[in-house]
Each structure stands twice: as structure tokens, then as C-alpha cells.
Amino acid sequence: MGQAIIRLFPDAALGGDDPVIGKASSAVEFGEQLRRQRIRDAARVIMRRGAVGNSTSFKLNKQVAAAGKISFSEEEHALGDIEVTIISDDIDALIDAIAPDTRRESDQ
């Protein structure tokens, strides 16, 4: 699972065995992958749905993440999921930065 985390959050410091826990200071690559896959609007909805206070939480399909792609999980998968929690002093602004509303962009 560590490699799957590193593919989406390259600066993550990993620790633990089961579960593996990673802590990253940047979500830039994650946001770039959302843009490349053209799933920013869907990601935005999921991240806003998981927002509580200064954080947002969601699950990613581990198998898909191992290939460097993003697939949000709404249900349990046989190989498990990656549980992601993003914390920020301004979680709404961070969600806007990671997954901007593409309906407002002219470059789509």
C-alpha cells in the first residue's frame, strides 16, 4: 500500500506496517492527477461531502492507486481501500485549490 500512497502523494513520509500511515505536506500531485483524469468536479463533491471542521476524509481504491490513478471508493473492496484525511486551516480553500470547479474555467 505504501507505493500506492507515494504515487498520489510523492512527499508522504510512511510509517507502520498494518495499517501503513503516510503524512504528506502537499496535495499538488493528487490535484494534478484529478486534472489529468478529468474528475475534479466529482472529487470536489466527494471532498465537500467528507468535510468536517478543518478536515475532509474519503476513501480511494487501493488497486487503482497502485497504478497511479484515482478512484474514489463508496464501498469496501476485496483488496481494501486507502483512507485519506486532509487537514487544513481553510479546508474549503484547499478543496478549491485541489479540485477547482471546472464549470467556472474557460480552459476546459
N, C-alpha and C. Protein backbone atom coordinates (compact mmCIF):
# COMPACT_ATOMS: atom_id res chain seq x y z
N MET A 1 0.82 -1.20 0.00
CA MET A 1 0.00 0.00 0.00
C MET A 1 0.86 1.25 0.00
N GLY A 2 2.05 1.17 0.55
CA GLY A 2 2.92 2.33 0.60
C GLY A 2 3.19 2.94 -0.76
N GLN A 3 3.44 2.08 -1.77
CA GLN A 3 3.71 2.58 -3.11
C GLN A 3 2.50 3.30 -3.70
N ALA A 4 1.31 2.82 -3.39
CA ALA A 4 0.09 3.47 -3.87
C ALA A 4 -0.03 4.87 -3.29
N ILE A 5 0.31 5.01 -2.02
CA ILE A 5 0.26 6.33 -1.37
C ILE A 5 1.28 7.26 -2.01
N ILE A 6 2.50 6.77 -2.21
CA ILE A 6 3.58 7.58 -2.79
C ILE A 6 3.25 8.04 -4.20
N ARG A 7 2.56 7.21 -4.97
CA ARG A 7 2.20 7.60 -6.34
C ARG A 7 1.29 8.83 -6.35
N LEU A 8 0.43 8.96 -5.36
CA LEU A 8 -0.52 10.07 -5.33
C LEU A 8 -0.05 11.23 -4.44
N PHE A 9 0.78 10.91 -3.46
CA PHE A 9 1.33 11.92 -2.54
C PHE A 9 2.83 11.67 -2.43
N PRO A 10 3.62 12.11 -3.43
CA PRO A 10 5.04 11.76 -3.52
C PRO A 10 5.90 12.15 -2.31
N ASP A 11 5.51 13.18 -1.57
CA ASP A 11 6.32 13.60 -0.43
C ASP A 11 5.88 12.95 0.88
N ALA A 12 4.99 11.96 0.80
CA ALA A 12 4.47 11.32 2.02
C ALA A 12 5.58 10.57 2.75
N ALA A 13 5.64 10.79 4.05
CA ALA A 13 6.52 10.01 4.93
C ALA A 13 5.68 8.85 5.44
N LEU A 14 6.13 7.65 5.21
CA LEU A 14 5.36 6.46 5.56
C LEU A 14 5.87 5.82 6.83
N GLY A 15 4.96 5.23 7.59
CA GLY A 15 5.33 4.51 8.80
C GLY A 15 4.29 3.45 9.09
N GLY A 16 4.65 2.52 9.94
CA GLY A 16 3.72 1.46 10.32
C GLY A 16 3.71 0.32 9.31
N ASP A 17 3.16 -0.79 9.76
CA ASP A 17 3.05 -1.97 8.91
C ASP A 17 1.61 -2.27 8.53
N ASP A 18 0.75 -2.32 9.50
CA ASP A 18 -0.65 -2.63 9.24
C ASP A 18 -1.52 -1.91 10.26
N PRO A 19 -2.00 -0.76 9.94
CA PRO A 19 -2.00 -0.13 8.63
C PRO A 19 -0.75 0.70 8.38
N VAL A 20 -0.44 0.92 7.11
CA VAL A 20 0.61 1.86 6.71
C VAL A 20 0.01 3.24 6.83
N ILE A 21 0.75 4.14 7.45
CA ILE A 21 0.26 5.51 7.60
C ILE A 21 1.24 6.44 6.91
N GLY A 22 0.70 7.35 6.11
CA GLY A 22 1.53 8.32 5.42
C GLY A 22 1.11 9.72 5.80
N LYS A 23 2.09 10.60 5.89
CA LYS A 23 1.80 12.00 6.17
C LYS A 23 2.52 12.83 5.13
N ALA A 24 1.75 13.61 4.37
CA ALA A 24 2.31 14.43 3.30
C ALA A 24 2.02 15.90 3.59
N SER A 25 2.89 16.75 3.11
CA SER A 25 2.68 18.19 3.30
C SER A 25 2.12 18.85 2.06
N SER A 26 1.96 18.09 0.99
CA SER A 26 1.47 18.65 -0.27
C SER A 26 0.46 17.71 -0.93
N ALA A 27 -0.55 18.31 -1.53
CA ALA A 27 -1.53 17.55 -2.29
C ALA A 27 -1.49 17.96 -3.76
N VAL A 28 -0.37 18.55 -4.19
CA VAL A 28 -0.25 19.04 -5.56
C VAL A 28 -0.37 17.91 -6.57
N GLU A 29 0.36 16.81 -6.38
CA GLU A 29 0.29 15.70 -7.34
C GLU A 29 -1.10 15.09 -7.37
N PHE A 30 -1.73 14.99 -6.21
CA PHE A 30 -3.10 14.49 -6.14
C PHE A 30 -4.02 15.37 -6.99
N GLY A 31 -3.89 16.68 -6.83
CA GLY A 31 -4.70 17.62 -7.63
C GLY A 31 -4.40 17.52 -9.12
N GLU A 32 -3.12 17.34 -9.46
CA GLU A 32 -2.74 17.19 -10.87
C GLU A 32 -3.34 15.92 -11.47
N GLN A 33 -3.36 14.85 -10.70
CA GLN A 33 -3.95 13.61 -11.19
C GLN A 33 -5.46 13.77 -11.38
N LEU A 34 -6.12 14.50 -10.49
CA LEU A 34 -7.55 14.78 -10.67
C LEU A 34 -7.77 15.53 -11.99
N ARG A 35 -6.88 16.48 -12.28
CA ARG A 35 -7.00 17.25 -13.52
C ARG A 35 -6.77 16.36 -14.73
N ARG A 36 -5.69 15.53 -14.70
CA ARG A 36 -5.39 14.66 -15.84
C ARG A 36 -6.52 13.67 -16.11
N GLN A 37 -7.13 13.17 -15.05
CA GLN A 37 -8.23 12.20 -15.22
C GLN A 37 -9.57 12.89 -15.48
N ARG A 38 -9.58 14.20 -15.40
CA ARG A 38 -10.80 14.99 -15.63
C ARG A 38 -11.92 14.60 -14.67
N ILE A 39 -11.55 14.47 -13.39
CA ILE A 39 -12.55 14.09 -12.38
C ILE A 39 -12.60 15.11 -11.23
N ARG A 40 -12.18 16.34 -11.53
CA ARG A 40 -12.14 17.35 -10.46
C ARG A 40 -13.52 17.65 -9.89
N ASP A 41 -14.54 17.72 -10.72
CA ASP A 41 -15.88 18.03 -10.21
C ASP A 41 -16.40 16.92 -9.29
N ALA A 42 -16.18 15.68 -9.70
CA ALA A 42 -16.61 14.55 -8.86
C ALA A 42 -15.81 14.55 -7.55
N ALA A 43 -14.51 14.79 -7.64
CA ALA A 43 -13.67 14.83 -6.44
C ALA A 43 -14.12 15.94 -5.50
N ARG A 44 -14.47 17.06 -6.07
CA ARG A 44 -14.92 18.21 -5.29
C ARG A 44 -16.16 17.84 -4.47
N VAL A 45 -17.10 17.16 -5.11
CA VAL A 45 -18.33 16.74 -4.42
C VAL A 45 -17.98 15.79 -3.27
N ILE A 46 -17.12 14.82 -3.53
CA ILE A 46 -16.76 13.83 -2.51
C ILE A 46 -15.99 14.49 -1.36
N MET A 47 -15.06 15.39 -1.68
CA MET A 47 -14.30 16.05 -0.63
C MET A 47 -15.18 16.98 0.20
N ARG A 48 -16.11 17.66 -0.44
CA ARG A 48 -17.03 18.53 0.32
C ARG A 48 -17.95 17.68 1.21
N ARG A 49 -18.39 16.54 0.70
CA ARG A 49 -19.26 15.65 1.47
C ARG A 49 -18.55 15.14 2.73
N GLY A 50 -17.24 14.92 2.63
CA GLY A 50 -16.47 14.40 3.75
C GLY A 50 -15.90 15.47 4.67
N ALA A 51 -16.20 16.74 4.39
CA ALA A 51 -15.63 17.83 5.18
C ALA A 51 -16.33 17.98 6.52
N VAL A 52 -15.50 18.03 7.57
CA VAL A 52 -15.97 18.29 8.93
C VAL A 52 -14.91 19.17 9.59
N GLY A 53 -15.31 20.34 10.03
CA GLY A 53 -14.36 21.24 10.67
C GLY A 53 -13.24 21.62 9.72
N ASN A 54 -11.99 21.36 10.13
CA ASN A 54 -10.83 21.74 9.32
C ASN A 54 -10.25 20.57 8.52
N SER A 55 -11.08 19.54 8.26
CA SER A 55 -10.57 18.39 7.52
C SER A 55 -11.63 17.81 6.59
N THR A 56 -11.15 16.99 5.68
CA THR A 56 -12.04 16.20 4.83
C THR A 56 -11.48 14.79 4.75
N SER A 57 -12.35 13.81 4.72
CA SER A 57 -11.93 12.41 4.65
C SER A 57 -12.68 11.70 3.53
N PHE A 58 -11.98 10.77 2.89
CA PHE A 58 -12.56 9.96 1.83
C PHE A 58 -11.71 8.72 1.65
N LYS A 59 -12.22 7.78 0.87
CA LYS A 59 -11.50 6.53 0.60
C LYS A 59 -11.17 6.45 -0.89
N LEU A 60 -9.99 5.87 -1.16
CA LEU A 60 -9.56 5.62 -2.53
C LEU A 60 -9.36 4.13 -2.73
N ASN A 61 -9.67 3.66 -3.93
CA ASN A 61 -9.45 2.27 -4.28
C ASN A 61 -7.94 2.01 -4.32
N LYS A 62 -7.47 1.09 -3.49
CA LYS A 62 -6.03 0.80 -3.35
C LYS A 62 -5.44 0.26 -4.65
N GLN A 63 -6.13 -0.64 -5.31
CA GLN A 63 -5.62 -1.27 -6.53
C GLN A 63 -5.43 -0.23 -7.63
N VAL A 64 -6.38 0.67 -7.78
CA VAL A 64 -6.30 1.72 -8.79
C VAL A 64 -5.18 2.70 -8.43
N ALA A 65 -5.05 3.03 -7.14
CA ALA A 65 -4.00 3.96 -6.69
C ALA A 65 -2.61 3.38 -6.96
N ALA A 66 -2.46 2.07 -6.87
CA ALA A 66 -1.17 1.43 -7.13
C ALA A 66 -0.72 1.68 -8.57
N ALA A 67 -1.67 1.92 -9.46
CA ALA A 67 -1.37 2.23 -10.86
C ALA A 67 -1.21 3.74 -11.07
N GLY A 68 -1.27 4.52 -9.98
CA GLY A 68 -1.10 5.96 -10.08
C GLY A 68 -2.35 6.71 -10.50
N LYS A 69 -3.49 6.07 -10.38
CA LYS A 69 -4.76 6.70 -10.75
C LYS A 69 -5.61 6.89 -9.50
N ILE A 70 -6.69 7.64 -9.65
CA ILE A 70 -7.59 7.92 -8.55
C ILE A 70 -8.97 7.36 -8.86
N SER A 71 -9.50 6.59 -7.92
CA SER A 71 -10.87 6.12 -7.97
C SER A 71 -11.40 6.17 -6.55
N PHE A 72 -12.38 7.02 -6.33
CA PHE A 72 -12.96 7.15 -5.00
C PHE A 72 -13.80 5.93 -4.69
N SER A 73 -13.77 5.48 -3.45
CA SER A 73 -14.49 4.29 -3.03
C SER A 73 -15.68 4.67 -2.18
N GLU A 74 -16.81 4.16 -2.56
CA GLU A 74 -18.03 4.34 -1.78
C GLU A 74 -18.36 3.05 -1.02
N GLU A 75 -17.72 1.94 -1.44
CA GLU A 75 -17.98 0.64 -0.84
C GLU A 75 -16.65 -0.05 -0.59
N GLU A 76 -16.65 -1.09 0.21
CA GLU A 76 -15.44 -1.84 0.51
C GLU A 76 -15.01 -2.67 -0.70
N HIS A 77 -13.70 -2.76 -0.91
CA HIS A 77 -13.14 -3.56 -1.99
C HIS A 77 -12.34 -4.73 -1.38
N ALA A 78 -12.23 -5.79 -2.14
CA ALA A 78 -11.56 -7.00 -1.66
C ALA A 78 -10.14 -6.73 -1.18
N LEU A 79 -9.41 -5.89 -1.90
CA LEU A 79 -8.03 -5.59 -1.52
C LEU A 79 -7.94 -4.42 -0.54
N GLY A 80 -9.07 -3.88 -0.16
CA GLY A 80 -9.08 -2.77 0.79
C GLY A 80 -9.00 -1.42 0.10
N ASP A 81 -9.07 -0.39 0.90
CA ASP A 81 -9.05 0.97 0.41
C ASP A 81 -8.00 1.77 1.15
N ILE A 82 -7.67 2.91 0.59
CA ILE A 82 -6.78 3.86 1.25
C ILE A 82 -7.67 4.92 1.87
N GLU A 83 -7.57 5.10 3.17
CA GLU A 83 -8.35 6.14 3.85
C GLU A 83 -7.50 7.40 3.89
N VAL A 84 -8.03 8.48 3.31
CA VAL A 84 -7.31 9.75 3.23
C VAL A 84 -8.01 10.78 4.08
N THR A 85 -7.24 11.50 4.89
CA THR A 85 -7.74 12.64 5.63
C THR A 85 -6.83 13.82 5.30
N ILE A 86 -7.42 14.89 4.83
CA ILE A 86 -6.69 16.11 4.53
C ILE A 86 -7.10 17.15 5.55
N ILE A 87 -6.09 17.76 6.18
CA ILE A 87 -6.33 18.76 7.21
C ILE A 87 -5.76 20.10 6.75
N SER A 88 -6.54 21.15 6.96
CA SER A 88 -6.10 22.49 6.57
C SER A 88 -6.79 23.53 7.43
N ASP A 89 -6.13 24.65 7.66
CA ASP A 89 -6.76 25.75 8.40
C ASP A 89 -7.99 26.28 7.66
N ASP A 90 -7.95 26.17 6.31
CA ASP A 90 -9.08 26.60 5.49
C ASP A 90 -9.39 25.48 4.50
N ILE A 91 -10.14 24.48 4.95
CA ILE A 91 -10.39 23.28 4.15
C ILE A 91 -11.14 23.61 2.86
N ASP A 92 -12.05 24.59 2.90
CA ASP A 92 -12.77 24.96 1.68
C ASP A 92 -11.82 25.51 0.61
N ALA A 93 -10.89 26.35 1.02
CA ALA A 93 -9.92 26.91 0.07
C ALA A 93 -9.01 25.82 -0.48
N LEU A 94 -8.64 24.86 0.37
CA LEU A 94 -7.79 23.78 -0.10
C LEU A 94 -8.52 22.89 -1.10
N ILE A 95 -9.78 22.59 -0.83
CA ILE A 95 -10.58 21.82 -1.79
C ILE A 95 -10.68 22.58 -3.11
N ASP A 96 -10.90 23.89 -3.03
CA ASP A 96 -10.96 24.71 -4.24
C ASP A 96 -9.65 24.66 -5.03
N ALA A 97 -8.52 24.61 -4.32
CA ALA A 97 -7.22 24.56 -4.98
C ALA A 97 -6.95 23.19 -5.60
N ILE A 98 -7.31 22.12 -4.89
CA ILE A 98 -7.06 20.76 -5.38
C ILE A 98 -8.03 20.40 -6.50
N ALA A 99 -9.29 20.77 -6.34
CA ALA A 99 -10.33 20.40 -7.30
C ALA A 99 -11.21 21.61 -7.61
N PRO A 100 -10.66 22.56 -8.40
CA PRO A 100 -11.45 23.74 -8.73
C PRO A 100 -12.69 23.37 -9.53
N ASP A 101 -13.71 24.19 -9.39
CA ASP A 101 -14.96 23.99 -10.12
C ASP A 101 -14.71 24.23 -11.60
N THR A 102 -14.74 23.18 -12.41
CA THR A 102 -14.40 23.31 -13.84
C THR A 102 -15.48 24.06 -14.61
N ARG A 103 -16.66 24.20 -14.04
CA ARG A 103 -17.71 24.94 -14.75
C ARG A 103 -17.37 26.43 -14.84
N ARG A 104 -16.45 26.89 -13.98
CA ARG A 104 -16.04 28.30 -13.99
C ARG A 104 -14.79 28.54 -14.81
N GLU A 105 -14.18 27.49 -15.31
CA GLU A 105 -12.93 27.62 -16.06
C GLU A 105 -13.21 27.72 -17.55
N SER A 106 -12.40 28.49 -18.23
CA SER A 106 -12.57 28.65 -19.68
C SER A 106 -11.64 27.72 -20.45
N ASP A 107 -10.72 27.01 -19.74
CA ASP A 107 -9.76 26.16 -20.46
C ASP A 107 -10.22 24.72 -20.57
N GLN A 108 -11.46 24.42 -20.29
CA GLN A 108 -11.94 23.04 -20.39
C GLN A 108 -12.31 22.69 -21.78
